[in-house]
PDB file of N, CA and C in Angstrom:
ATOM      1  N   MET A   1      11.200   0.518   9.719  1.00  0.00           N
ATOM      2  CA  MET A   1       9.916  -0.119   9.952  1.00  0.00           C
ATOM      3  C   MET A   1       8.941   0.193   8.821  1.00  0.00           C
ATOM      4  N   LYS A   2       8.934   1.470   8.360  1.00  0.00           N
ATOM      5  CA  LYS A   2       8.043   1.832   7.269  1.00  0.00           C
ATOM      6  C   LYS A   2       8.379   1.058   6.001  1.00  0.00           C
ATOM      7  N   LYS A   3       9.682   0.858   5.752  1.00  0.00           N
ATOM      8  CA  LYS A   3      10.088   0.127   4.555  1.00  0.00           C
ATOM      9  C   LYS A   3       9.607  -1.315   4.611  1.00  0.00           C
ATOM     10  N   LEU A   4       9.684  -1.936   5.781  1.00  0.00           N
ATOM     11  CA  LEU A   4       9.228  -3.307   5.939  1.00  0.00           C
ATOM     12  C   LEU A   4       7.722  -3.391   5.730  1.00  0.00           C
ATOM     13  N   PHE A   5       6.972  -2.491   6.327  1.00  0.00           N
ATOM     14  CA  PHE A   5       5.525  -2.462   6.173  1.00  0.00           C
ATOM     15  C   PHE A   5       5.155  -2.283   4.709  1.00  0.00           C
ATOM     16  N   PHE A   6       5.803  -1.335   4.045  1.00  0.00           N
ATOM     17  CA  PHE A   6       5.532  -1.061   2.642  1.00  0.00           C
ATOM     18  C   PHE A   6       5.821  -2.296   1.794  1.00  0.00           C
ATOM     19  N   ALA A   7       6.928  -2.978   2.056  1.00  0.00           N
ATOM     20  CA  ALA A   7       7.296  -4.177   1.305  1.00  0.00           C
ATOM     21  C   ALA A   7       6.257  -5.280   1.496  1.00  0.00           C
ATOM     22  N   ILE A   8       5.755  -5.430   2.708  1.00  0.00           N
ATOM     23  CA  ILE A   8       4.746  -6.451   2.984  1.00  0.00           C
ATOM     24  C   ILE A   8       3.446  -6.135   2.254  1.00  0.00           C
ATOM     25  N   VAL A   9       3.017  -4.886   2.298  1.00  0.00           N
ATOM     26  CA  VAL A   9       1.790  -4.471   1.612  1.00  0.00           C
ATOM     27  C   VAL A   9       1.927  -4.683   0.109  1.00  0.00           C
ATOM     28  N   LEU A  10       3.058  -4.293  -0.446  1.00  0.00           N
ATOM     29  CA  LEU A  10       3.288  -4.439  -1.874  1.00  0.00           C
ATOM     30  C   LEU A  10       3.296  -5.914  -2.275  1.00  0.00           C
ATOM     31  N   ALA A  11       3.960  -6.756  -1.495  1.00  0.00           N
ATOM     32  CA  ALA A  11       4.008  -8.191  -1.787  1.00  0.00           C
ATOM     33  C   ALA A  11       2.602  -8.800  -1.717  1.00  0.00           C
ATOM     34  N   ALA A  12       1.831  -8.398  -0.731  1.00  0.00           N
ATOM     35  CA  ALA A  12       0.466  -8.916  -0.591  1.00  0.00           C
ATOM     36  C   ALA A  12      -0.398  -8.485  -1.770  1.00  0.00           C
ATOM     37  N   MET A  13      -0.200  -7.252  -2.221  1.00  0.00           N
ATOM     38  CA  MET A  13      -0.985  -6.748  -3.338  1.00  0.00           C
ATOM     39  C   MET A  13      -0.732  -7.569  -4.593  1.00  0.00           C
ATOM     40  N   PHE A  14       0.533  -7.884  -4.869  1.00  0.00           N
ATOM     41  CA  PHE A  14       0.858  -8.632  -6.070  1.00  0.00           C
ATOM     42  C   PHE A  14       0.564 -10.123  -5.932  1.00  0.00           C
ATOM     43  N   ALA A  15       0.367 -10.606  -4.722  1.00  0.00           N
ATOM     44  CA  ALA A  15       0.040 -12.011  -4.507  1.00  0.00           C
ATOM     45  C   ALA A  15      -1.426 -12.289  -4.800  1.00  0.00           C
ATOM     46  N   MET A  16      -2.264 -11.253  -4.746  1.00  0.00           N
ATOM     47  CA  MET A  16      -3.691 -11.418  -5.004  1.00  0.00           C
ATOM     48  C   MET A  16      -3.930 -11.586  -6.504  1.00  0.00           C
ATOM     49  N   PRO A  17      -4.900 -12.391  -6.879  1.00  0.00           N
ATOM     50  CA  PRO A  17      -5.195 -12.556  -8.304  1.00  0.00           C
ATOM     51  C   PRO A  17      -5.796 -11.280  -8.884  1.00  0.00           C
ATOM     52  N   MET A  18      -5.450 -10.994 -10.117  1.00  0.00           N
ATOM     53  CA  MET A  18      -5.989  -9.810 -10.785  1.00  0.00           C
ATOM     54  C   MET A  18      -7.439 -10.077 -11.176  1.00  0.00           C
ATOM     55  N   THR A  19      -8.266  -9.060 -11.085  1.00  0.00           N
ATOM     56  CA  THR A  19      -9.650  -9.194 -11.503  1.00  0.00           C
ATOM     57  C   THR A  19      -9.745  -8.921 -12.992  1.00  0.00           C
ATOM     58  N   ALA A  20     -10.768  -9.422 -13.621  1.00  0.00           N
ATOM     59  CA  ALA A  20     -10.935  -9.227 -15.055  1.00  0.00           C
ATOM     60  C   ALA A  20     -11.062  -7.752 -15.394  1.00  0.00           C
ATOM     61  N   SER A  21     -11.679  -6.970 -14.524  1.00  0.00           N
ATOM     62  CA  SER A  21     -11.878  -5.551 -14.801  1.00  0.00           C
ATOM     63  C   SER A  21     -10.569  -4.771 -14.789  1.00  0.00           C
ATOM     64  N   ALA A  22      -9.522  -5.327 -14.169  1.00  0.00           N
ATOM     65  CA  ALA A  22      -8.255  -4.622 -14.071  1.00  0.00           C
ATOM     66  C   ALA A  22      -7.317  -4.932 -15.235  1.00  0.00           C
ATOM     67  N   GLU A  23      -7.726  -5.811 -16.140  1.00  0.00           N
ATOM     68  CA  GLU A  23      -6.832  -6.224 -17.203  1.00  0.00           C
ATOM     69  C   GLU A  23      -6.539  -5.115 -18.199  1.00  0.00           C
ATOM     70  N   LYS A  24      -7.533  -4.358 -18.613  1.00  0.00           N
ATOM     71  CA  LYS A  24      -7.319  -3.296 -19.587  1.00  0.00           C
ATOM     72  C   LYS A  24      -8.045  -2.036 -19.142  1.00  0.00           C
ATOM     73  N   ILE A  25      -7.292  -1.124 -18.585  1.00  0.00           N
ATOM     74  CA  ILE A  25      -7.845   0.150 -18.151  1.00  0.00           C
ATOM     75  C   ILE A  25      -7.036   1.242 -18.827  1.00  0.00           C
ATOM     76  N   ASP A  26      -7.702   2.138 -19.536  1.00  0.00           N
ATOM     77  CA  ASP A  26      -7.014   3.283 -20.128  1.00  0.00           C
ATOM     78  C   ASP A  26      -6.948   4.362 -19.052  1.00  0.00           C
ATOM     79  N   PHE A  27      -5.837   4.377 -18.322  1.00  0.00           N
ATOM     80  CA  PHE A  27      -5.696   5.297 -17.205  1.00  0.00           C
ATOM     81  C   PHE A  27      -5.799   6.752 -17.634  1.00  0.00           C
ATOM     82  N   GLY A  28      -5.434   7.043 -18.864  1.00  0.00           N
ATOM     83  CA  GLY A  28      -5.504   8.417 -19.356  1.00  0.00           C
ATOM     84  C   GLY A  28      -6.930   8.918 -19.515  1.00  0.00           C
ATOM     85  N   LYS A  29      -7.873   7.994 -19.634  1.00  0.00           N
ATOM     86  CA  LYS A  29      -9.275   8.374 -19.845  1.00  0.00           C
ATOM     87  C   LYS A  29     -10.170   8.018 -18.664  1.00  0.00           C
ATOM     88  N   LEU A  30      -9.620   7.398 -17.642  1.00  0.00           N
ATOM     89  CA  LEU A  30     -10.431   6.946 -16.516  1.00  0.00           C
ATOM     90  C   LEU A  30     -11.056   8.129 -15.779  1.00  0.00           C
ATOM     91  N   LYS A  31     -12.358   8.158 -15.727  1.00  0.00           N
ATOM     92  CA  LYS A  31     -13.088   9.227 -15.038  1.00  0.00           C
ATOM     93  C   LYS A  31     -13.160   8.927 -13.542  1.00  0.00           C
ATOM     94  N   CYS A  32     -13.309   9.966 -12.778  1.00  0.00           N
ATOM     95  CA  CYS A  32     -13.408   9.830 -11.327  1.00  0.00           C
ATOM     96  C   CYS A  32     -14.527   8.886 -10.918  1.00  0.00           C
ATOM     97  N   SER A  33     -15.652   8.957 -11.601  1.00  0.00           N
ATOM     98  CA  SER A  33     -16.776   8.091 -11.233  1.00  0.00           C
ATOM     99  C   SER A  33     -16.394   6.623 -11.354  1.00  0.00           C
ATOM    100  N   ALA A  34     -15.631   6.258 -12.382  1.00  0.00           N
ATOM    101  CA  ALA A  34     -15.186   4.872 -12.553  1.00  0.00           C
ATOM    102  C   ALA A  34     -14.096   4.523 -11.540  1.00  0.00           C
ATOM    103  N   PHE A  35     -13.214   5.480 -11.246  1.00  0.00           N
ATOM    104  CA  PHE A  35     -12.148   5.271 -10.271  1.00  0.00           C
ATOM    105  C   PHE A  35     -12.729   4.937  -8.908  1.00  0.00           C
ATOM    106  N   MET A  36     -13.779   5.640  -8.520  1.00  0.00           N
ATOM    107  CA  MET A  36     -14.399   5.433  -7.214  1.00  0.00           C
ATOM    108  C   MET A  36     -15.045   4.049  -7.103  1.00  0.00           C
ATOM    109  N   GLU A  37     -15.328   3.397  -8.223  1.00  0.00           N
ATOM    110  CA  GLU A  37     -15.952   2.082  -8.207  1.00  0.00           C
ATOM    111  C   GLU A  37     -14.941   0.937  -8.268  1.00  0.00           C
ATOM    112  N   LEU A  38     -13.640   1.248  -8.417  1.00  0.00           N
ATOM    113  CA  LEU A  38     -12.626   0.201  -8.499  1.00  0.00           C
ATOM    114  C   LEU A  38     -12.495  -0.534  -7.169  1.00  0.00           C
ATOM    115  N   ASP A  39     -12.152  -1.815  -7.241  1.00  0.00           N
ATOM    116  CA  ASP A  39     -11.883  -2.548  -6.012  1.00  0.00           C
ATOM    117  C   ASP A  39     -10.565  -2.045  -5.428  1.00  0.00           C
ATOM    118  N   ALA A  40     -10.305  -2.339  -4.175  1.00  0.00           N
ATOM    119  CA  ALA A  40      -9.140  -1.802  -3.467  1.00  0.00           C
ATOM    120  C   ALA A  40      -7.829  -2.177  -4.151  1.00  0.00           C
ATOM    121  N   GLN A  41      -7.734  -3.399  -4.645  1.00  0.00           N
ATOM    122  CA  GLN A  41      -6.493  -3.847  -5.289  1.00  0.00           C
ATOM    123  C   GLN A  41      -6.228  -3.043  -6.566  1.00  0.00           C
ATOM    124  N   THR A  42      -7.244  -2.879  -7.403  1.00  0.00           N
ATOM    125  CA  THR A  42      -7.074  -2.150  -8.651  1.00  0.00           C
ATOM    126  C   THR A  42      -6.814  -0.679  -8.379  1.00  0.00           C
ATOM    127  N   MET A  43      -7.488  -0.115  -7.385  1.00  0.00           N
ATOM    128  CA  MET A  43      -7.264   1.286  -7.030  1.00  0.00           C
ATOM    129  C   MET A  43      -5.828   1.501  -6.566  1.00  0.00           C
ATOM    130  N   THR A  44      -5.312   0.565  -5.772  1.00  0.00           N
ATOM    131  CA  THR A  44      -3.926   0.662  -5.296  1.00  0.00           C
ATOM    132  C   THR A  44      -2.957   0.565  -6.461  1.00  0.00           C
ATOM    133  N   MET A  45      -3.213  -0.374  -7.370  1.00  0.00           N
ATOM    134  CA  MET A  45      -2.370  -0.530  -8.549  1.00  0.00           C
ATOM    135  C   MET A  45      -2.387   0.760  -9.371  1.00  0.00           C
ATOM    136  N   PHE A  46      -3.563   1.313  -9.547  1.00  0.00           N
ATOM    137  CA  PHE A  46      -3.699   2.558 -10.306  1.00  0.00           C
ATOM    138  C   PHE A  46      -2.941   3.689  -9.625  1.00  0.00           C
ATOM    139  N   TYR A  47      -3.013   3.757  -8.295  1.00  0.00           N
ATOM    140  CA  TYR A  47      -2.286   4.806  -7.575  1.00  0.00           C
ATOM    141  C   TYR A  47      -0.787   4.713  -7.870  1.00  0.00           C
ATOM    142  N   PHE A  48      -0.243   3.509  -7.820  1.00  0.00           N
ATOM    143  CA  PHE A  48       1.190   3.357  -8.068  1.00  0.00           C
ATOM    144  C   PHE A  48       1.539   3.670  -9.519  1.00  0.00           C
ATOM    145  N   TRP A  49       0.619   3.374 -10.436  1.00  0.00           N
ATOM    146  CA  TRP A  49       0.833   3.771 -11.830  1.00  0.00           C
ATOM    147  C   TRP A  49       0.873   5.296 -11.917  1.00  0.00           C
ATOM    148  N   LEU A  50      -0.075   5.952 -11.254  1.00  0.00           N
ATOM    149  CA  LEU A  50      -0.104   7.423 -11.240  1.00  0.00           C
ATOM    150  C   LEU A  50       1.174   8.002 -10.644  1.00  0.00           C
ATOM    151  N   ASP A  51       1.633   7.419  -9.554  1.00  0.00           N
ATOM    152  CA  ASP A  51       2.851   7.902  -8.918  1.00  0.00           C
ATOM    153  C   ASP A  51       4.040   7.785  -9.868  1.00  0.00           C
ATOM    154  N   GLY A  52       4.118   6.671 -10.576  1.00  0.00           N
ATOM    155  CA  GLY A  52       5.194   6.493 -11.551  1.00  0.00           C
ATOM    156  C   GLY A  52       5.085   7.478 -12.699  1.00  0.00           C
ATOM    157  N   TYR A  53       3.861   7.709 -13.149  1.00  0.00           N
ATOM    158  CA  TYR A  53       3.626   8.667 -14.238  1.00  0.00           C
ATOM    159  C   TYR A  53       4.056  10.068 -13.816  1.00  0.00           C
ATOM    160  N   ALA A  54       3.618  10.482 -12.638  1.00  0.00           N
ATOM    161  CA  ALA A  54       3.969  11.813 -12.136  1.00  0.00           C
ATOM    162  C   ALA A  54       5.476  11.927 -11.894  1.00  0.00           C
ATOM    163  N   SER A  55       6.071  10.859 -11.384  1.00  0.00           N
ATOM    164  CA  SER A  55       7.517  10.865 -11.123  1.00  0.00           C
ATOM    165  C   SER A  55       8.306  11.006 -12.418  1.00  0.00           C
ATOM    166  N   ALA A  56       7.846  10.359 -13.475  1.00  0.00           N
ATOM    167  CA  ALA A  56       8.532  10.468 -14.766  1.00  0.00           C
ATOM    168  C   ALA A  56       8.470  11.900 -15.293  1.00  0.00           C
ATOM    169  N   LYS A  57       7.366  12.569 -15.057  1.00  0.00           N
ATOM    170  CA  LYS A  57       7.221  13.956 -15.513  1.00  0.00           C
ATOM    171  C   LYS A  57       8.082  14.923 -14.708  1.00  0.00           C
ATOM    172  N   THR A  58       8.201  14.667 -13.403  1.00  0.00           N
ATOM    173  CA  THR A  58       8.918  15.603 -12.532  1.00  0.00           C
ATOM    174  C   THR A  58      10.369  15.217 -12.289  1.00  0.00           C
ATOM    175  N   GLY A  59      10.708  13.960 -12.565  1.00  0.00           N
ATOM    176  CA  GLY A  59      12.063  13.490 -12.299  1.00  0.00           C
ATOM    177  C   GLY A  59      12.279  13.066 -10.855  1.00  0.00           C
ATOM    178  N   ASP A  60      11.219  13.048 -10.066  1.00  0.00           N
ATOM    179  CA  ASP A  60      11.312  12.636  -8.661  1.00  0.00           C
ATOM    180  C   ASP A  60      11.372  11.121  -8.601  1.00  0.00           C
ATOM    181  N   THR A  61      12.441  10.581  -8.058  1.00  0.00           N
ATOM    182  CA  THR A  61      12.607   9.131  -8.008  1.00  0.00           C
ATOM    183  C   THR A  61      12.301   8.534  -6.640  1.00  0.00           C
ATOM    184  N   LYS A  62      11.785   9.335  -5.722  1.00  0.00           N
ATOM    185  CA  LYS A  62      11.504   8.837  -4.369  1.00  0.00           C
ATOM    186  C   LYS A  62      10.026   8.485  -4.224  1.00  0.00           C
ATOM    187  N   LEU A  63       9.762   7.463  -3.414  1.00  0.00           N
ATOM    188  CA  LEU A  63       8.393   7.116  -3.056  1.00  0.00           C
ATOM    189  C   LEU A  63       8.249   7.327  -1.567  1.00  0.00           C
ATOM    190  N   ASP A  64       7.345   8.201  -1.191  1.00  0.00           N
ATOM    191  CA  ASP A  64       7.070   8.451   0.218  1.00  0.00           C
ATOM    192  C   ASP A  64       5.919   7.545   0.633  1.00  0.00           C
ATOM    193  N   ALA A  65       6.274   6.393   1.208  1.00  0.00           N
ATOM    194  CA  ALA A  65       5.259   5.414   1.586  1.00  0.00           C
ATOM    195  C   ALA A  65       4.234   5.997   2.551  1.00  0.00           C
ATOM    196  N   GLY A  66       4.649   6.922   3.378  1.00  0.00           N
ATOM    197  CA  GLY A  66       3.736   7.543   4.329  1.00  0.00           C
ATOM    198  C   GLY A  66       2.709   8.451   3.680  1.00  0.00           C
ATOM    199  N   ALA A  67       2.996   8.899   2.468  1.00  0.00           N
ATOM    200  CA  ALA A  67       2.093   9.817   1.785  1.00  0.00           C
ATOM    201  C   ALA A  67       1.052   9.098   0.934  1.00  0.00           C
ATOM    202  N   VAL A  68       1.201   7.799   0.740  1.00  0.00           N
ATOM    203  CA  VAL A  68       0.307   7.051  -0.138  1.00  0.00           C
ATOM    204  C   VAL A  68      -1.153   7.206   0.273  1.00  0.00           C
ATOM    205  N   GLU A  69      -1.468   6.938   1.528  1.00  0.00           N
ATOM    206  CA  GLU A  69      -2.857   7.035   1.989  1.00  0.00           C
ATOM    207  C   GLU A  69      -3.387   8.461   1.856  1.00  0.00           C
ATOM    208  N   ASN A  70      -2.576   9.437   2.218  1.00  0.00           N
ATOM    209  CA  ASN A  70      -2.997  10.833   2.108  1.00  0.00           C
ATOM    210  C   ASN A  70      -3.271  11.210   0.654  1.00  0.00           C
ATOM    211  N   ASN A  71      -2.388  10.806  -0.236  1.00  0.00           N
ATOM    212  CA  ASN A  71      -2.572  11.133  -1.650  1.00  0.00           C
ATOM    213  C   ASN A  71      -3.836  10.505  -2.217  1.00  0.00           C
ATOM    214  N   LEU A  72      -4.081   9.239  -1.882  1.00  0.00           N
ATOM    215  CA  LEU A  72      -5.307   8.583  -2.345  1.00  0.00           C
ATOM    216  C   LEU A  72      -6.543   9.269  -1.786  1.00  0.00           C
ATOM    217  N   THR A  73      -6.471   9.673  -0.534  1.00  0.00           N
ATOM    218  CA  THR A  73      -7.596  10.382   0.086  1.00  0.00           C
ATOM    219  C   THR A  73      -7.875  11.696  -0.637  1.00  0.00           C
ATOM    220  N   GLN A  74      -6.824  12.421  -0.983  1.00  0.00           N
ATOM    221  CA  GLN A  74      -6.991  13.696  -1.685  1.00  0.00           C
ATOM    222  C   GLN A  74      -7.580  13.481  -3.077  1.00  0.00           C
ATOM    223  N   ILE A  75      -7.106  12.463  -3.780  1.00  0.00           N
ATOM    224  CA  ILE A  75      -7.658  12.153  -5.105  1.00  0.00           C
ATOM    225  C   ILE A  75      -9.138  11.813  -4.981  1.00  0.00           C
ATOM    226  N   MET A  76      -9.494  11.019  -3.970  1.00  0.00           N
ATOM    227  CA  MET A  76     -10.888  10.630  -3.791  1.00  0.00           C
ATOM    228  C   MET A  76     -11.774  11.833  -3.456  1.00  0.00           C
ATOM    229  N   LYS A  77     -11.247  12.781  -2.678  1.00  0.00           N
ATOM    230  CA  LYS A  77     -12.024  13.987  -2.352  1.00  0.00           C
ATOM    231  C   LYS A  77     -12.329  14.784  -3.611  1.00  0.00           C
ATOM    232  N   VAL A  78     -11.325  14.953  -4.462  1.00  0.00           N
ATOM    233  CA  VAL A  78     -11.533  15.689  -5.718  1.00  0.00           C
ATOM    234  C   VAL A  78     -12.518  14.923  -6.602  1.00  0.00           C
ATOM    235  N   CYS A  79     -12.371  13.608  -6.653  1.00  0.00           N
ATOM    236  CA  CYS A  79     -13.257  12.785  -7.477  1.00  0.00           C
ATOM    237  C   CYS A  79     -14.714  12.841  -7.017  1.00  0.00           C
ATOM    238  N   GLN A  80     -14.926  12.877  -5.716  1.00  0.00           N
ATOM    239  CA  GLN A  80     -16.298  12.953  -5.212  1.00  0.00           C
ATOM    240  C   GLN A  80     -16.974  14.240  -5.670  1.00  0.00           C
ATOM    241  N   LYS A  81     -16.211  15.329  -5.763  1.00  0.00           N
ATOM    242  CA  LYS A  81     -16.768  16.606  -6.183  1.00  0.00           C
ATOM    243  C   LYS A  81     -16.843  16.742  -7.702  1.00  0.00           C
ATOM    244  N   ASN A  82     -16.023  15.947  -8.426  1.00  0.00           N
ATOM    245  CA  ASN A  82     -15.926  16.071  -9.883  1.00  0.00           C
ATOM    246  C   ASN A  82     -15.962  14.693 -10.552  1.00  0.00           C
ATOM    247  N   PRO A  83     -17.102  14.020 -10.549  1.00  0.00           N
ATOM    248  CA  PRO A  83     -17.160  12.649 -11.059  1.00  0.00           C
ATOM    249  C   PRO A  83     -16.811  12.502 -12.541  1.00  0.00           C
ATOM    250  N   ASN A  84     -16.941  13.554 -13.318  1.00  0.00           N
ATOM    251  CA  ASN A  84     -16.642  13.467 -14.752  1.00  0.00           C
ATOM    252  C   ASN A  84     -15.209  13.860 -15.096  1.00  0.00           C
ATOM    253  N   LYS A  85     -14.438  14.258 -14.083  1.00  0.00           N
ATOM    254  CA  LYS A  85     -13.052  14.663 -14.303  1.00  0.00           C
ATOM    255  C   LYS A  85     -12.174  13.423 -14.489  1.00  0.00           C
ATOM    256  N   ALA A  86     -11.201  13.500 -15.386  1.00  0.00           N
ATOM    257  CA  ALA A  86     -10.252  12.404 -15.566  1.00  0.00           C
ATOM    258  C   ALA A  86      -9.293  12.380 -14.396  1.00  0.00           C
ATOM    259  N   VAL A  87      -9.077  11.217 -13.797  1.00  0.00           N
ATOM    260  CA  VAL A  87      -8.214  11.109 -12.619  1.00  0.00           C
ATOM    261  C   VAL A  87      -6.800  11.580 -12.946  1.00  0.00           C
ATOM    262  N   LEU A  88      -6.320  11.262 -14.114  1.00  0.00           N
ATOM    263  CA  LEU A  88      -4.968  11.656 -14.511  1.00  0.00           C
ATOM    264  C   LEU A  88      -4.802  13.173 -14.482  1.00  0.00           C
ATOM    265  N   SER A  89      -5.850  13.904 -14.802  1.00  0.00           N
ATOM    266  CA  SER A  89      -5.768  15.372 -14.792  1.00  0.00           C
ATOM    267  C   SER A  89      -5.608  15.926 -13.369  1.00  0.00           C
ATOM    268  N   ILE A  90      -6.075  15.190 -12.372  1.00  0.00           N
ATOM    269  CA  ILE A  90      -5.923  15.623 -10.987  1.00  0.00           C
ATOM    270  C   ILE A  90      -4.440  15.598 -10.603  1.00  0.00           C
ATOM    271  N   VAL A  91      -3.762  14.553 -10.984  1.00  0.00           N
ATOM    272  CA  VAL A  91      -2.350  14.396 -10.663  1.00  0.00           C
ATOM    273  C   VAL A  91      -1.504  15.317 -11.515  1.00  0.00           C
ATOM    274  N   ALA A  92      -1.898  15.515 -12.776  1.00  0.00           N
ATOM    275  CA  ALA A  92      -1.104  16.330 -13.699  1.00  0.00           C
ATOM    276  C   ALA A  92      -1.278  17.819 -13.448  1.00  0.00           C
ATOM    277  N   ASP A  93      -2.342  18.205 -12.757  1.00  0.00           N
ATOM    278  CA  ASP A  93      -2.589  19.643 -12.498  1.00  0.00           C
ATOM    279  C   ASP A  93      -1.627  20.198 -11.477  1.00  0.00           C
TER     280      ASP A  93
END
């Protein structure tokens, strides 16, 4: 059931048109303050980019669909306290 839900969410995300602001984002330099202002679609896309980046560093090839919301919530909590911190550094730490 989780796999079906995840597939539907992912398909819906890619079916939506991309916004102009999402065309060129330097994820390595994106500050928390800018991350918090992203629309939901771009934030979700960025999360999956982060997950892929972290997975490449650790060699973990699994995606825990149930952890997605929790991970985004944790990133947002850190960002609220540290608006000038680079989001990538939160995941890389």
